[in-house]
Amino acid sequence: MELRKLDRENLIRAYGLDAELLLPWSALNAPFEGAWCVLRPGDASMPHAHHEYEIFIAMTGRAAVTADGERRDFMAGDIVHLRPGVEHQVVNDNDQDFEYYALWWDTEMSHRFLDRDGEVS
């Protein structure tokens, strides 16, 4: 078993939130990358779009996610799927931290995964 610990004391401030990139990880051969994200009360992630597919998994708290101008409530247990090219943002208008895990992938990552398949397990 491999265990990677989240370093809550040293999250990095970027794109309007605090985060730690947990994937890629040398112990895991995966076709995706991911980060633990913390949105402090009153914070909003920077609106952006990219070529990767992405999902957000809400872990604690409550926020709102906006995608192409549509705003939806987003709370612990919810999952959001974003297609490439969709401008999106997460907004925490609440008085508690909102934590979520973001995973993203694209065709190139999938090809690298298939090329490495069997090298790392």
PDB file of N, CA and C in Angstrom:
ATOM      1  N   MET A   1       0.839  -1.175   0.000  1.00  0.00           N
ATOM      2  CA  MET A   1       0.000   0.000   0.000  1.00  0.00           C
ATOM      3  C   MET A   1       0.888   1.243   0.000  1.00  0.00           C
ATOM      4  N   GLU A   2       0.468   2.222  -0.773  1.00  0.00           N
ATOM      5  CA  GLU A   2       1.117   3.535  -0.804  1.00  0.00           C
ATOM      6  C   GLU A   2       0.135   4.543  -0.204  1.00  0.00           C
ATOM      7  N   LEU A   3       0.637   5.480   0.568  1.00  0.00           N
ATOM      8  CA  LEU A   3      -0.201   6.512   1.158  1.00  0.00           C
ATOM      9  C   LEU A   3       0.476   7.859   0.970  1.00  0.00           C
ATOM     10  N   ARG A   4      -0.244   8.769   0.391  1.00  0.00           N
ATOM     11  CA  ARG A   4       0.283  10.121   0.218  1.00  0.00           C
ATOM     12  C   ARG A   4      -0.541  11.056   1.092  1.00  0.00           C
ATOM     13  N   LYS A   5       0.109  11.756   1.977  1.00  0.00           N
ATOM     14  CA  LYS A   5      -0.565  12.641   2.919  1.00  0.00           C
ATOM     15  C   LYS A   5      -0.718  14.040   2.337  1.00  0.00           C
ATOM     16  N   LEU A   6      -1.873  14.614   2.559  1.00  0.00           N
ATOM     17  CA  LEU A   6      -2.115  16.009   2.219  1.00  0.00           C
ATOM     18  C   LEU A   6      -1.393  16.880   3.228  1.00  0.00           C
ATOM     19  N   ASP A   7      -0.621  17.845   2.761  1.00  0.00           N
ATOM     20  CA  ASP A   7       0.112  18.762   3.635  1.00  0.00           C
ATOM     21  C   ASP A   7      -0.689  20.051   3.797  1.00  0.00           C
ATOM     22  N   ARG A   8      -1.672  20.027   4.674  1.00  0.00           N
ATOM     23  CA  ARG A   8      -2.583  21.163   4.862  1.00  0.00           C
ATOM     24  C   ARG A   8      -1.875  22.442   5.287  1.00  0.00           C
ATOM     25  N   GLU A   9      -0.737  22.305   5.955  1.00  0.00           N
ATOM     26  CA  GLU A   9      -0.025  23.485   6.452  1.00  0.00           C
ATOM     27  C   GLU A   9       0.742  24.222   5.353  1.00  0.00           C
ATOM     28  N   ASN A  10       0.926  23.582   4.199  1.00  0.00           N
ATOM     29  CA  ASN A  10       1.732  24.184   3.134  1.00  0.00           C
ATOM     30  C   ASN A  10       1.016  24.205   1.789  1.00  0.00           C
ATOM     31  N   LEU A  11      -0.284  24.450   1.807  1.00  0.00           N
ATOM     32  CA  LEU A  11      -1.012  24.594   0.553  1.00  0.00           C
ATOM     33  C   LEU A  11      -0.478  25.820  -0.181  1.00  0.00           C
ATOM     34  N   ILE A  12      -0.510  25.785  -1.479  1.00  0.00           N
ATOM     35  CA  ILE A  12       0.015  26.875  -2.304  1.00  0.00           C
ATOM     36  C   ILE A  12      -1.142  27.715  -2.832  1.00  0.00           C
ATOM     37  N   ARG A  13      -1.011  29.027  -2.713  1.00  0.00           N
ATOM     38  CA  ARG A  13      -2.033  29.956  -3.194  1.00  0.00           C
ATOM     39  C   ARG A  13      -1.860  30.139  -4.695  1.00  0.00           C
ATOM     40  N   ALA A  14      -2.891  29.788  -5.456  1.00  0.00           N
ATOM     41  CA  ALA A  14      -2.847  29.941  -6.914  1.00  0.00           C
ATOM     42  C   ALA A  14      -4.272  29.965  -7.455  1.00  0.00           C
ATOM     43  N   TYR A  15      -4.494  30.760  -8.471  1.00  0.00           N
ATOM     44  CA  TYR A  15      -5.788  30.812  -9.160  1.00  0.00           C
ATOM     45  C   TYR A  15      -6.949  31.163  -8.233  1.00  0.00           C
ATOM     46  N   GLY A  16      -6.671  31.890  -7.131  1.00  0.00           N
ATOM     47  CA  GLY A  16      -7.718  32.338  -6.237  1.00  0.00           C
ATOM     48  C   GLY A  16      -8.074  31.373  -5.126  1.00  0.00           C
ATOM     49  N   LEU A  17      -7.304  30.296  -4.988  1.00  0.00           N
ATOM     50  CA  LEU A  17      -7.578  29.316  -3.943  1.00  0.00           C
ATOM     51  C   LEU A  17      -6.283  28.728  -3.412  1.00  0.00           C
ATOM     52  N   ASP A  18      -6.378  27.922  -2.364  1.00  0.00           N
ATOM     53  CA  ASP A  18      -5.226  27.225  -1.798  1.00  0.00           C
ATOM     54  C   ASP A  18      -5.300  25.778  -2.245  1.00  0.00           C
ATOM     55  N   ALA A  19      -4.157  25.210  -2.680  1.00  0.00           N
ATOM     56  CA  ALA A  19      -4.202  23.860  -3.247  1.00  0.00           C
ATOM     57  C   ALA A  19      -2.884  23.127  -3.071  1.00  0.00           C
ATOM     58  N   GLU A  20      -2.971  21.818  -3.240  1.00  0.00           N
ATOM     59  CA  GLU A  20      -1.786  20.974  -3.331  1.00  0.00           C
ATOM     60  C   GLU A  20      -1.989  20.002  -4.478  1.00  0.00           C
ATOM     61  N   LEU A  21      -1.056  20.000  -5.426  1.00  0.00           N
ATOM     62  CA  LEU A  21      -1.077  19.050  -6.528  1.00  0.00           C
ATOM     63  C   LEU A  21      -0.681  17.687  -5.966  1.00  0.00           C
ATOM     64  N   LEU A  22      -1.589  16.719  -5.989  1.00  0.00           N
ATOM     65  CA  LEU A  22      -1.308  15.386  -5.450  1.00  0.00           C
ATOM     66  C   LEU A  22      -1.030  14.358  -6.546  1.00  0.00           C
ATOM     67  N   LEU A  23      -1.472  14.648  -7.750  1.00  0.00           N
ATOM     68  CA  LEU A  23      -1.210  13.778  -8.887  1.00  0.00           C
ATOM     69  C   LEU A  23      -0.704  14.643 -10.026  1.00  0.00           C
ATOM     70  N   PRO A  24       0.336  14.305 -10.732  1.00  0.00           N
ATOM     71  CA  PRO A  24       0.960  12.989 -10.773  1.00  0.00           C
ATOM     72  C   PRO A  24       1.731  12.651  -9.500  1.00  0.00           C
ATOM     73  N   TRP A  25       1.900  11.354  -9.321  1.00  0.00           N
ATOM     74  CA  TRP A  25       2.569  10.779  -8.163  1.00  0.00           C
ATOM     75  C   TRP A  25       3.353   9.581  -8.664  1.00  0.00           C
ATOM     76  N   SER A  26       4.630   9.533  -8.381  1.00  0.00           N
ATOM     77  CA  SER A  26       5.486   8.475  -8.932  1.00  0.00           C
ATOM     78  C   SER A  26       5.038   7.070  -8.522  1.00  0.00           C
ATOM     79  N   ALA A  27       4.318   6.942  -7.408  1.00  0.00           N
ATOM     80  CA  ALA A  27       3.866   5.625  -6.957  1.00  0.00           C
ATOM     81  C   ALA A  27       2.614   5.151  -7.695  1.00  0.00           C
ATOM     82  N   LEU A  28       2.020   6.018  -8.508  1.00  0.00           N
ATOM     83  CA  LEU A  28       0.750   5.696  -9.156  1.00  0.00           C
ATOM     84  C   LEU A  28       0.819   5.996 -10.642  1.00  0.00           C
ATOM     85  N   ASN A  29       0.576   4.993 -11.455  1.00  0.00           N
ATOM     86  CA  ASN A  29       0.479   5.180 -12.897  1.00  0.00           C
ATOM     87  C   ASN A  29      -0.989   5.450 -13.219  1.00  0.00           C
ATOM     88  N   ALA A  30      -1.329   6.698 -13.490  1.00  0.00           N
ATOM     89  CA  ALA A  30      -2.721   7.071 -13.731  1.00  0.00           C
ATOM     90  C   ALA A  30      -2.835   7.937 -14.978  1.00  0.00           C
ATOM     91  N   PRO A  31      -3.971   7.861 -15.681  1.00  0.00           N
ATOM     92  CA  PRO A  31      -4.178   8.675 -16.886  1.00  0.00           C
ATOM     93  C   PRO A  31      -4.789  10.037 -16.589  1.00  0.00           C
ATOM     94  N   PHE A  32      -4.591  10.543 -15.384  1.00  0.00           N
ATOM     95  CA  PHE A  32      -5.153  11.826 -14.983  1.00  0.00           C
ATOM     96  C   PHE A  32      -4.246  12.477 -13.959  1.00  0.00           C
ATOM     97  N   GLU A  33      -4.503  13.760 -13.687  1.00  0.00           N
ATOM     98  CA  GLU A  33      -3.802  14.507 -12.648  1.00  0.00           C
ATOM     99  C   GLU A  33      -4.848  15.076 -11.711  1.00  0.00           C
ATOM    100  N   GLY A  34      -4.415  15.516 -10.516  1.00  0.00           N
ATOM    101  CA  GLY A  34      -5.405  16.020  -9.581  1.00  0.00           C
ATOM    102  C   GLY A  34      -4.816  16.871  -8.486  1.00  0.00           C
ATOM    103  N   ALA A  35      -5.690  17.660  -7.861  1.00  0.00           N
ATOM    104  CA  ALA A  35      -5.276  18.560  -6.786  1.00  0.00           C
ATOM    105  C   ALA A  35      -6.378  18.678  -5.741  1.00  0.00           C
ATOM    106  N   TRP A  36      -5.945  18.779  -4.473  1.00  0.00           N
ATOM    107  CA  TRP A  36      -6.839  19.114  -3.377  1.00  0.00           C
ATOM    108  C   TRP A  36      -6.969  20.626  -3.364  1.00  0.00           C
ATOM    109  N   CYS A  37      -8.180  21.139  -3.312  1.00  0.00           N
ATOM    110  CA  CYS A  37      -8.416  22.573  -3.404  1.00  0.00           C
ATOM    111  C   CYS A  37      -9.225  23.053  -2.206  1.00  0.00           C
ATOM    112  N   VAL A  38      -8.816  24.183  -1.652  1.00  0.00           N
ATOM    113  CA  VAL A  38      -9.522  24.804  -0.538  1.00  0.00           C
ATOM    114  C   VAL A  38      -9.864  26.234  -0.937  1.00  0.00           C
ATOM    115  N   LEU A  39     -11.138  26.524  -0.900  1.00  0.00           N
ATOM    116  CA  LEU A  39     -11.633  27.860  -1.197  1.00  0.00           C
ATOM    117  C   LEU A  39     -12.084  28.470   0.124  1.00  0.00           C
ATOM    118  N   ARG A  40     -11.382  29.493   0.561  1.00  0.00           N
ATOM    119  CA  ARG A  40     -11.674  30.152   1.839  1.00  0.00           C
ATOM    120  C   ARG A  40     -12.949  30.994   1.720  1.00  0.00           C
ATOM    121  N   PRO A  41     -13.596  31.318   2.838  1.00  0.00           N
ATOM    122  CA  PRO A  41     -14.796  32.148   2.788  1.00  0.00           C
ATOM    123  C   PRO A  41     -14.537  33.448   2.003  1.00  0.00           C
ATOM    124  N   GLY A  42     -15.432  33.737   1.071  1.00  0.00           N
ATOM    125  CA  GLY A  42     -15.311  34.937   0.250  1.00  0.00           C
ATOM    126  C   GLY A  42     -14.415  34.790  -0.960  1.00  0.00           C
ATOM    127  N   ASP A  43     -13.706  33.664  -1.094  1.00  0.00           N
ATOM    128  CA  ASP A  43     -12.814  33.454  -2.235  1.00  0.00           C
ATOM    129  C   ASP A  43     -13.566  32.932  -3.460  1.00  0.00           C
ATOM    130  N   ALA A  44     -12.967  33.140  -4.613  1.00  0.00           N
ATOM    131  CA  ALA A  44     -13.480  32.612  -5.875  1.00  0.00           C
ATOM    132  C   ALA A  44     -12.287  32.171  -6.708  1.00  0.00           C
ATOM    133  N   SER A  45     -12.388  31.016  -7.309  1.00  0.00           N
ATOM    134  CA  SER A  45     -11.317  30.599  -8.211  1.00  0.00           C
ATOM    135  C   SER A  45     -11.336  31.493  -9.440  1.00  0.00           C
ATOM    136  N   MET A  46     -10.205  31.604 -10.088  1.00  0.00           N
ATOM    137  CA  MET A  46     -10.090  32.426 -11.287  1.00  0.00           C
ATOM    138  C   MET A  46     -10.918  31.786 -12.410  1.00  0.00           C
ATOM    139  N   PRO A  47     -11.803  32.546 -13.061  1.00  0.00           N
ATOM    140  CA  PRO A  47     -12.550  31.972 -14.187  1.00  0.00           C
ATOM    141  C   PRO A  47     -11.570  31.570 -15.289  1.00  0.00           C
ATOM    142  N   HIS A  48     -11.755  30.372 -15.822  1.00  0.00           N
ATOM    143  CA  HIS A  48     -10.854  29.897 -16.868  1.00  0.00           C
ATOM    144  C   HIS A  48     -11.491  28.746 -17.646  1.00  0.00           C
ATOM    145  N   ALA A  49     -10.905  28.443 -18.775  1.00  0.00           N
ATOM    146  CA  ALA A  49     -11.276  27.289 -19.593  1.00  0.00           C
ATOM    147  C   ALA A  49      -9.975  26.648 -20.059  1.00  0.00           C
ATOM    148  N   HIS A  50     -10.015  25.364 -20.378  1.00  0.00           N
ATOM    149  CA  HIS A  50      -8.812  24.661 -20.829  1.00  0.00           C
ATOM    150  C   HIS A  50      -9.199  23.481 -21.704  1.00  0.00           C
ATOM    151  N   HIS A  51      -8.197  22.814 -22.253  1.00  0.00           N
ATOM    152  CA  HIS A  51      -8.451  21.728 -23.203  1.00  0.00           C
ATOM    153  C   HIS A  51      -8.718  20.383 -22.527  1.00  0.00           C
ATOM    154  N   GLU A  52      -8.505  20.288 -21.214  1.00  0.00           N
ATOM    155  CA  GLU A  52      -8.725  19.019 -20.519  1.00  0.00           C
ATOM    156  C   GLU A  52     -10.184  18.857 -20.097  1.00  0.00           C
ATOM    157  N   TYR A  53     -10.594  17.607 -19.939  1.00  0.00           N
ATOM    158  CA  TYR A  53     -11.824  17.291 -19.228  1.00  0.00           C
ATOM    159  C   TYR A  53     -11.513  17.456 -17.745  1.00  0.00           C
ATOM    160  N   GLU A  54     -12.533  17.751 -16.931  1.00  0.00           N
ATOM    161  CA  GLU A  54     -12.278  17.933 -15.507  1.00  0.00           C
ATOM    162  C   GLU A  54     -13.511  17.532 -14.709  1.00  0.00           C
ATOM    163  N   ILE A  55     -13.257  16.977 -13.515  1.00  0.00           N
ATOM    164  CA  ILE A  55     -14.335  16.779 -12.557  1.00  0.00           C
ATOM    165  C   ILE A  55     -13.907  17.366 -11.225  1.00  0.00           C
ATOM    166  N   PHE A  56     -14.882  17.890 -10.509  1.00  0.00           N
ATOM    167  CA  PHE A  56     -14.692  18.370  -9.143  1.00  0.00           C
ATOM    168  C   PHE A  56     -15.531  17.486  -8.233  1.00  0.00           C
ATOM    169  N   ILE A  57     -14.943  17.023  -7.150  1.00  0.00           N
ATOM    170  CA  ILE A  57     -15.658  16.245  -6.151  1.00  0.00           C
ATOM    171  C   ILE A  57     -15.675  17.066  -4.866  1.00  0.00           C
ATOM    172  N   ALA A  58     -16.860  17.528  -4.459  1.00  0.00           N
ATOM    173  CA  ALA A  58     -16.991  18.344  -3.256  1.00  0.00           C
ATOM    174  C   ALA A  58     -16.797  17.463  -2.027  1.00  0.00           C
ATOM    175  N   MET A  59     -15.880  17.878  -1.154  1.00  0.00           N
ATOM    176  CA  MET A  59     -15.557  17.079   0.028  1.00  0.00           C
ATOM    177  C   MET A  59     -16.177  17.644   1.307  1.00  0.00           C
ATOM    178  N   THR A  60     -16.015  18.929   1.565  1.00  0.00           N
ATOM    179  CA  THR A  60     -16.595  19.549   2.751  1.00  0.00           C
ATOM    180  C   THR A  60     -17.105  20.937   2.414  1.00  0.00           C
ATOM    181  N   GLY A  61     -18.180  21.327   3.072  1.00  0.00           N
ATOM    182  CA  GLY A  61     -18.703  22.668   2.905  1.00  0.00           C
ATOM    183  C   GLY A  61     -19.661  22.809   1.744  1.00  0.00           C
ATOM    184  N   ARG A  62     -19.817  24.063   1.352  1.00  0.00           N
ATOM    185  CA  ARG A  62     -20.773  24.403   0.298  1.00  0.00           C
ATOM    186  C   ARG A  62     -20.232  25.607  -0.468  1.00  0.00           C
ATOM    187  N   ALA A  63     -20.483  25.627  -1.773  1.00  0.00           N
ATOM    188  CA  ALA A  63     -20.055  26.731  -2.637  1.00  0.00           C
ATOM    189  C   ALA A  63     -21.009  26.786  -3.828  1.00  0.00           C
ATOM    190  N   ALA A  64     -20.624  27.526  -4.832  1.00  0.00           N
ATOM    191  CA  ALA A  64     -21.359  27.559  -6.095  1.00  0.00           C
ATOM    192  C   ALA A  64     -20.350  27.360  -7.206  1.00  0.00           C
ATOM    193  N   VAL A  65     -20.763  26.654  -8.238  1.00  0.00           N
ATOM    194  CA  VAL A  65     -19.916  26.493  -9.411  1.00  0.00           C
ATOM    195  C   VAL A  65     -20.644  27.130 -10.586  1.00  0.00           C
ATOM    196  N   THR A  66     -19.877  27.884 -11.383  1.00  0.00           N
ATOM    197  CA  THR A  66     -20.431  28.533 -12.562  1.00  0.00           C
ATOM    198  C   THR A  66     -19.732  27.955 -13.784  1.00  0.00           C
ATOM    199  N   ALA A  67     -20.522  27.578 -14.772  1.00  0.00           N
ATOM    200  CA  ALA A  67     -19.977  27.046 -16.026  1.00  0.00           C
ATOM    201  C   ALA A  67     -20.745  27.663 -17.183  1.00  0.00           C
ATOM    202  N   ASP A  68     -20.003  28.350 -18.051  1.00  0.00           N
ATOM    203  CA  ASP A  68     -20.599  29.047 -19.200  1.00  0.00           C
ATOM    204  C   ASP A  68     -21.804  29.888 -18.784  1.00  0.00           C
ATOM    205  N   GLY A  69     -21.669  30.590 -17.653  1.00  0.00           N
ATOM    206  CA  GLY A  69     -22.701  31.512 -17.197  1.00  0.00           C
ATOM    207  C   GLY A  69     -23.803  30.894 -16.351  1.00  0.00           C
ATOM    208  N   GLU A  70     -23.875  29.581 -16.255  1.00  0.00           N
ATOM    209  CA  GLU A  70     -24.884  28.917 -15.422  1.00  0.00           C
ATOM    210  C   GLU A  70     -24.304  28.658 -14.032  1.00  0.00           C
ATOM    211  N   ARG A  71     -24.999  29.105 -12.991  1.00  0.00           N
ATOM    212  CA  ARG A  71     -24.522  28.961 -11.610  1.00  0.00           C
ATOM    213  C   ARG A  71     -25.356  27.902 -10.892  1.00  0.00           C
ATOM    214  N   ARG A  72     -24.645  26.977 -10.205  1.00  0.00           N
ATOM    215  CA  ARG A  72     -25.321  25.916  -9.451  1.00  0.00           C
ATOM    216  C   ARG A  72     -24.705  25.786  -8.066  1.00  0.00           C
ATOM    217  N   ASP A  73     -25.548  25.444  -7.070  1.00  0.00           N
ATOM    218  CA  ASP A  73     -25.046  25.121  -5.742  1.00  0.00           C
ATOM    219  C   ASP A  73     -24.226  23.849  -5.823  1.00  0.00           C
ATOM    220  N   PHE A  74     -23.189  23.777  -4.985  1.00  0.00           N
ATOM    221  CA  PHE A  74     -22.226  22.668  -5.021  1.00  0.00           C
ATOM    222  C   PHE A  74     -21.851  22.373  -3.580  1.00  0.00           C
ATOM    223  N   MET A  75     -22.168  21.162  -3.080  1.00  0.00           N
ATOM    224  CA  MET A  75     -21.898  20.841  -1.680  1.00  0.00           C
ATOM    225  C   MET A  75     -21.317  19.448  -1.535  1.00  0.00           C
ATOM    226  N   ALA A  76     -20.799  19.190  -0.331  1.00  0.00           N
ATOM    227  CA  ALA A  76     -20.144  17.914  -0.033  1.00  0.00           C
ATOM    228  C   ALA A  76     -20.964  16.748  -0.583  1.00  0.00           C
ATOM    229  N   GLY A  77     -20.277  15.873  -1.333  1.00  0.00           N
ATOM    230  CA  GLY A  77     -20.912  14.711  -1.949  1.00  0.00           C
ATOM    231  C   GLY A  77     -21.263  14.913  -3.407  1.00  0.00           C
ATOM    232  N   ASP A  78     -21.302  16.159  -3.881  1.00  0.00           N
ATOM    233  CA  ASP A  78     -21.636  16.443  -5.279  1.00  0.00           C
ATOM    234  C   ASP A  78     -20.400  16.290  -6.170  1.00  0.00           C
ATOM    235  N   ILE A  79     -20.657  15.992  -7.431  1.00  0.00           N
ATOM    236  CA  ILE A  79     -19.598  15.901  -8.443  1.00  0.00           C
ATOM    237  C   ILE A  79     -20.011  16.764  -9.628  1.00  0.00           C
ATOM    238  N   VAL A  80     -19.063  17.553 -10.133  1.00  0.00           N
ATOM    239  CA  VAL A  80     -19.285  18.381 -11.322  1.00  0.00           C
ATOM    240  C   VAL A  80     -18.384  17.861 -12.438  1.00  0.00           C
ATOM    241  N   HIS A  81     -18.928  17.721 -13.628  1.00  0.00           N
ATOM    242  CA  HIS A  81     -18.147  17.334 -14.811  1.00  0.00           C
ATOM    243  C   HIS A  81     -18.086  18.524 -15.757  1.00  0.00           C
ATOM    244  N   LEU A  82     -16.884  18.865 -16.201  1.00  0.00           N
ATOM    245  CA  LEU A  82     -16.679  19.989 -17.113  1.00  0.00           C
ATOM    246  C   LEU A  82     -16.009  19.502 -18.388  1.00  0.00           C
ATOM    247  N   ARG A  83     -16.589  19.840 -19.501  1.00  0.00           N
ATOM    248  CA  ARG A  83     -16.019  19.472 -20.799  1.00  0.00           C
ATOM    249  C   ARG A  83     -14.944  20.483 -21.194  1.00  0.00           C
ATOM    250  N   PRO A  84     -14.042  20.090 -22.075  1.00  0.00           N
ATOM    251  CA  PRO A  84     -13.016  21.024 -22.543  1.00  0.00           C
ATOM    252  C   PRO A  84     -13.644  22.284 -23.141  1.00  0.00           C
ATOM    253  N   GLY A  85     -12.993  23.419 -22.878  1.00  0.00           N
ATOM    254  CA  GLY A  85     -13.428  24.675 -23.459  1.00  0.00           C
ATOM    255  C   GLY A  85     -14.524  25.401 -22.692  1.00  0.00           C
ATOM    256  N   VAL A  86     -15.057  24.796 -21.633  1.00  0.00           N
ATOM    257  CA  VAL A  86     -16.122  25.430 -20.856  1.00  0.00           C
ATOM    258  C   VAL A  86     -15.496  26.336 -19.795  1.00  0.00           C
ATOM    259  N   GLU A  87     -15.814  27.628 -19.848  1.00  0.00           N
ATOM    260  CA  GLU A  87     -15.298  28.536 -18.818  1.00  0.00           C
ATOM    261  C   GLU A  87     -16.017  28.238 -17.506  1.00  0.00           C
ATOM    262  N   HIS A  88     -15.230  28.106 -16.424  1.00  0.00           N
ATOM    263  CA  HIS A  88     -15.808  27.736 -15.136  1.00  0.00           C
ATOM    264  C   HIS A  88     -15.107  28.443 -13.982  1.00  0.00           C
ATOM    265  N   GLN A  89     -15.802  28.455 -12.836  1.00  0.00           N
ATOM    266  CA  GLN A  89     -15.315  29.117 -11.635  1.00  0.00           C
ATOM    267  C   GLN A  89     -16.059  28.523 -10.441  1.00  0.00           C
ATOM    268  N   VAL A  90     -15.369  28.434  -9.296  1.00  0.00           N
ATOM    269  CA  VAL A  90     -15.994  28.023  -8.051  1.00  0.00           C
ATOM    270  C   VAL A  90     -15.961  29.221  -7.105  1.00  0.00           C
ATOM    271  N   VAL A  91     -17.096  29.511  -6.461  1.00  0.00           N
ATOM    272  CA  VAL A  91     -17.240  30.688  -5.613  1.00  0.00           C
ATOM    273  C   VAL A  91     -17.722  30.253  -4.228  1.00  0.00           C
ATOM    274  N   ASN A  92     -17.018  30.713  -3.195  1.00  0.00           N
ATOM    275  CA  ASN A  92     -17.415  30.413  -1.822  1.00  0.00           C
ATOM    276  C   ASN A  92     -17.965  31.682  -1.174  1.00  0.00           C
ATOM    277  N   ASP A  93     -19.283  31.807  -1.172  1.00  0.00           N
ATOM    278  CA  ASP A  93     -19.955  32.946  -0.545  1.00  0.00           C
ATOM    279  C   ASP A  93     -20.349  32.632   0.892  1.00  0.00           C
ATOM    280  N   ASN A  94     -19.851  31.546   1.443  1.00  0.00           N
ATOM    281  CA  ASN A  94     -20.220  31.097   2.778  1.00  0.00           C
ATOM    282  C   ASN A  94     -19.157  31.485   3.797  1.00  0.00           C
ATOM    283  N   ASP A  95     -19.415  31.171   5.067  1.00  0.00           N
ATOM    284  CA  ASP A  95     -18.500  31.568   6.142  1.00  0.00           C
ATOM    285  C   ASP A  95     -17.574  30.440   6.597  1.00  0.00           C
ATOM    286  N   GLN A  96     -17.527  29.336   5.837  1.00  0.00           N
ATOM    287  CA  GLN A  96     -16.631  28.227   6.146  1.00  0.00           C
ATOM    288  C   GLN A  96     -15.853  27.839   4.893  1.00  0.00           C
ATOM    289  N   ASP A  97     -14.684  27.210   5.108  1.00  0.00           N
ATOM    290  CA  ASP A  97     -13.899  26.716   3.972  1.00  0.00           C
ATOM    291  C   ASP A  97     -14.721  25.730   3.152  1.00  0.00           C
ATOM    292  N   PHE A  98     -14.488  25.738   1.852  1.00  0.00           N
ATOM    293  CA  PHE A  98     -15.045  24.741   0.948  1.00  0.00           C
ATOM    294  C   PHE A  98     -13.869  23.960   0.370  1.00  0.00           C
ATOM    295  N   GLU A  99     -13.905  22.633   0.508  1.00  0.00           N
ATOM    296  CA  GLU A  99     -12.813  21.790   0.020  1.00  0.00           C
ATOM    297  C   GLU A  99     -13.338  20.837  -1.044  1.00  0.00           C
ATOM    298  N   TYR A 100     -12.559  20.735  -2.119  1.00  0.00           N
ATOM    299  CA  TYR A 100     -12.933  19.806  -3.181  1.00  0.00           C
ATOM    300  C   TYR A 100     -11.682  19.232  -3.820  1.00  0.00           C
ATOM    301  N   TYR A 101     -11.863  18.104  -4.499  1.00  0.00           N
ATOM    302  CA  TYR A 101     -10.768  17.484  -5.231  1.00  0.00           C
ATOM    303  C   TYR A 101     -11.052  17.670  -6.711  1.00  0.00           C
ATOM    304  N   ALA A 102     -10.057  18.152  -7.449  1.00  0.00           N
ATOM    305  CA  ALA A 102     -10.171  18.347  -8.893  1.00  0.00           C
ATOM    306  C   ALA A 102      -9.322  17.304  -9.609  1.00  0.00           C
ATOM    307  N   LEU A 103      -9.899  16.656 -10.594  1.00  0.00           N
ATOM    308  CA  LEU A 103      -9.193  15.698 -11.451  1.00  0.00           C
ATOM    309  C   LEU A 103      -9.353  16.159 -12.892  1.00  0.00           C
ATOM    310  N   TRP A 104      -8.260  16.069 -13.675  1.00  0.00           N
ATOM    311  CA  TRP A 104      -8.342  16.452 -15.084  1.00  0.00           C
ATOM    312  C   TRP A 104      -7.536  15.491 -15.930  1.00  0.00           C
ATOM    313  N   TRP A 105      -7.939  15.385 -17.201  1.00  0.00           N
ATOM    314  CA  TRP A 105      -7.284  14.472 -18.130  1.00  0.00           C
ATOM    315  C   TRP A 105      -7.544  14.923 -19.560  1.00  0.00           C
ATOM    316  N   ASP A 106      -6.694  14.451 -20.455  1.00  0.00           N
ATOM    317  CA  ASP A 106      -6.860  14.700 -21.877  1.00  0.00           C
ATOM    318  C   ASP A 106      -6.331  13.496 -22.642  1.00  0.00           C
ATOM    319  N   THR A 107      -6.396  13.543 -23.933  1.00  0.00           N
ATOM    320  CA  THR A 107      -5.965  12.420 -24.768  1.00  0.00           C
ATOM    321  C   THR A 107      -4.481  12.133 -24.594  1.00  0.00           C
ATOM    322  N   GLU A 108      -3.663  13.186 -24.516  1.00  0.00           N
ATOM    323  CA  GLU A 108      -2.219  12.993 -24.351  1.00  0.00           C
ATOM    324  C   GLU A 108      -1.897  12.253 -23.050  1.00  0.00           C
ATOM    325  N   MET A 109      -2.555  12.605 -21.966  1.00  0.00           N
ATOM    326  CA  MET A 109      -2.337  11.905 -20.694  1.00  0.00           C
ATOM    327  C   MET A 109      -2.722  10.440 -20.811  1.00  0.00           C
ATOM    328  N   SER A 110      -3.797  10.172 -21.528  1.00  0.00           N
ATOM    329  CA  SER A 110      -4.235   8.783 -21.726  1.00  0.00           C
ATOM    330  C   SER A 110      -3.199   7.996 -22.519  1.00  0.00           C
ATOM    331  N   HIS A 111      -2.646   8.612 -23.553  1.00  0.00           N
ATOM    332  CA  HIS A 111      -1.613   7.935 -24.355  1.00  0.00           C
ATOM    333  C   HIS A 111      -0.358   7.666 -23.524  1.00  0.00           C
ATOM    334  N   ARG A 112       0.055   8.646 -22.707  1.00  0.00           N
ATOM    335  CA  ARG A 112       1.225   8.432 -21.838  1.00  0.00           C
ATOM    336  C   ARG A 112       0.960   7.294 -20.858  1.00  0.00           C
ATOM    337  N   PHE A 113      -0.240   7.235 -20.318  1.00  0.00           N
ATOM    338  CA  PHE A 113      -0.618   6.164 -19.405  1.00  0.00           C
ATOM    339  C   PHE A 113      -0.507   4.803 -20.107  1.00  0.00           C
ATOM    340  N   LEU A 114      -1.031   4.705 -21.312  1.00  0.00           N
ATOM    341  CA  LEU A 114      -0.983   3.439 -22.041  1.00  0.00           C
ATOM    342  C   LEU A 114       0.451   3.048 -22.382  1.00  0.00           C
ATOM    343  N   ASP A 115       1.285   4.043 -22.707  1.00  0.00           N
ATOM    344  CA  ASP A 115       2.694   3.758 -22.999  1.00  0.00           C
ATOM    345  C   ASP A 115       3.439   3.257 -21.765  1.00  0.00           C
ATOM    346  N   ARG A 116       3.057   3.747 -20.578  1.00  0.00           N
ATOM    347  CA  ARG A 116       3.702   3.340 -19.327  1.00  0.00           C
ATOM    348  C   ARG A 116       3.088   2.097 -18.718  1.00  0.00           C
ATOM    349  N   ASP A 117       1.941   1.694 -19.181  1.00  0.00           N
ATOM    350  CA  ASP A 117       1.181   0.608 -18.560  1.00  0.00           C
ATOM    351  C   ASP A 117       2.092  -0.570 -18.223  1.00  0.00           C
ATOM    352  N   GLY A 118       2.071  -0.946 -16.979  1.00  0.00           N
ATOM    353  CA  GLY A 118       2.892  -2.064 -16.533  1.00  0.00           C
ATOM    354  C   GLY A 118       4.238  -1.655 -15.953  1.00  0.00           C
ATOM    355  N   GLU A 119       4.688  -0.404 -16.216  1.00  0.00           N
ATOM    356  CA  GLU A 119       5.985   0.049 -15.691  1.00  0.00           C
ATOM    357  C   GLU A 119       5.913   0.377 -14.215  1.00  0.00           C
ATOM    358  N   VAL A 120       4.805   0.999 -13.787  1.00  0.00           N
ATOM    359  CA  VAL A 120       4.637   1.397 -12.396  1.00  0.00           C
ATOM    360  C   VAL A 120       3.296   0.873 -11.927  1.00  0.00           C
ATOM    361  N   SER A 121       3.257   0.286 -10.753  1.00  0.00           N
ATOM    362  CA  SER A 121       1.961  -0.184 -10.263  1.00  0.00           C
ATOM    363  C   SER A 121       1.758   0.212  -8.827  1.00  0.00           C
TER     364      SER A 121
END
